[in-house]
Protein backbone atom coordinates (compact mmCIF):
# COMPACT_ATOMS: atom_id res chain seq x y z
CA MET A 1 191.33 166.36 -52.03
CA VAL A 2 192.03 164.74 -48.86
CA LYS A 3 195.27 163.25 -50.05
CA ARG A 4 196.51 166.82 -50.97
CA LEU A 5 195.50 168.29 -47.68
CA ALA A 6 197.24 165.37 -45.88
CA SER A 7 200.46 165.75 -48.06
CA ALA A 8 200.54 169.59 -47.24
CA SER A 9 199.94 169.01 -43.68
CA LEU A 10 202.84 166.52 -43.40
CA THR A 11 205.11 168.72 -45.42
CA LEU A 12 204.26 171.84 -42.94
CA LEU A 13 204.80 169.50 -39.85
CA THR A 14 207.95 168.18 -41.31
CA ALA A 15 209.16 171.84 -41.89
CA ALA A 16 208.12 173.00 -38.54
CA CYS A 17 209.90 170.05 -36.85
CA LEU A 18 213.09 170.82 -38.71
CA TRP A 19 213.10 174.59 -37.88
CA THR A 20 212.40 173.51 -34.21
CA ILE A 21 215.59 171.07 -34.05
CA CYS A 22 217.92 173.56 -35.97
CA SER A 23 216.97 176.38 -33.79
CA ALA A 24 217.52 174.26 -30.59
CA ALA A 25 220.81 173.10 -31.82
CA ASP A 26 222.21 176.69 -31.85
CA GLU A 27 220.33 177.93 -28.94
CA PRO A 28 222.97 177.05 -26.25
CA GLY A 29 225.72 178.58 -28.17
CA ARG A 30 223.94 181.69 -28.81
CA ARG A 31 222.91 181.99 -25.10
CA VAL A 32 226.55 181.65 -23.89
CA TYR A 33 227.82 183.97 -26.55
CA GLU A 34 225.42 186.71 -25.63
CA ASP A 35 226.28 186.33 -22.16
CA LYS A 36 230.02 186.07 -22.20
CA CYS A 37 231.20 187.60 -25.68
CA SER A 38 228.64 189.89 -27.04
CA GLN A 39 229.47 193.00 -24.70
CA CYS A 40 232.94 193.25 -26.50
CA HIS A 41 232.30 191.41 -29.89
CA GLY A 42 228.73 192.83 -30.64
CA ALA A 43 225.70 191.31 -31.62
CA GLU A 44 226.28 188.14 -33.56
CA GLY A 45 230.01 188.45 -33.47
CA ARG A 46 229.80 191.57 -35.73
CA GLY A 47 232.24 193.64 -33.78
CA GLY A 48 232.17 196.41 -30.93
CA THR A 49 234.93 197.23 -28.68
CA GLY A 50 236.51 194.07 -29.54
CA PRO A 51 237.01 192.65 -33.03
CA ARG A 52 234.40 191.40 -35.43
CA LEU A 53 234.32 187.45 -35.21
CA VAL A 54 232.32 186.47 -38.31
CA PRO A 55 232.70 185.21 -40.65
CA PHE A 56 234.14 182.70 -38.15
CA GLN A 57 237.22 180.93 -39.30
CA TRP A 58 238.79 179.20 -36.49
CA SER A 59 238.70 175.73 -35.34
CA GLU A 60 237.05 174.81 -31.95
CA GLN A 61 240.68 174.01 -30.80
CA ARG A 62 242.19 177.30 -32.07
CA ALA A 63 239.25 179.30 -30.46
CA LEU A 64 239.71 177.48 -27.24
CA GLU A 65 243.46 178.48 -27.32
CA LEU A 66 242.52 182.05 -27.98
CA ILE A 67 240.10 182.27 -25.25
CA ARG A 68 242.18 180.78 -22.69
CA ASN A 69 245.47 182.56 -23.81
CA PRO A 70 244.51 185.60 -25.98
CA GLU A 71 247.09 186.91 -28.31
CA CYS A 72 245.60 190.51 -27.80
CA ASP A 73 244.30 192.81 -25.10
CA MET A 74 241.37 190.45 -24.29
CA PRO A 75 241.37 189.04 -20.81
CA PRO A 76 241.88 185.33 -20.68
CA ILE A 77 238.54 183.55 -19.79
CA PRO A 78 239.41 180.48 -17.54
CA ALA A 79 237.42 177.03 -17.78
CA SER A 80 235.54 177.96 -14.37
CA GLU A 81 233.71 180.81 -16.46
CA VAL A 82 233.39 179.32 -19.75
CA SER A 83 233.67 175.54 -19.90
CA ASP A 84 235.31 173.73 -23.13
CA THR A 85 231.93 172.45 -24.05
CA GLN A 86 230.58 176.19 -23.81
CA VAL A 87 233.35 177.12 -26.07
CA ALA A 88 232.43 174.53 -28.48
CA GLN A 89 228.86 175.60 -28.44
CA ILE A 90 229.94 179.33 -29.16
CA VAL A 91 232.18 178.16 -32.19
CA GLU A 92 229.12 176.14 -33.76
CA TYR A 93 226.81 179.23 -33.07
CA LEU A 94 229.20 181.54 -34.58
CA LYS A 95 229.76 179.47 -37.80
CA THR A 96 225.88 179.59 -38.45
CA ILE A 97 226.08 183.50 -38.70
CA LYS A 98 226.55 184.57 -42.33
């Protein structure tokens, strides 16, 4: 009985840790996306006044090019507003959305 309880507790603890780690990993990208992108591209990149972004298909480099030098009506976003690191975080976040 004690062994089962210990095993179940360990399993639950492991699952909770993994959930926390995974949630923390996409948190910066989600925050930056919500602050800088969601006004036009909608919640979770599902579209708004700007086009839908998910499923996200661009590489980090291509996303950076499109953000700095858009091929559409989107205004360019300079590195002073969104850093290259933040663009990478946004890309990683958008790739997690199904």
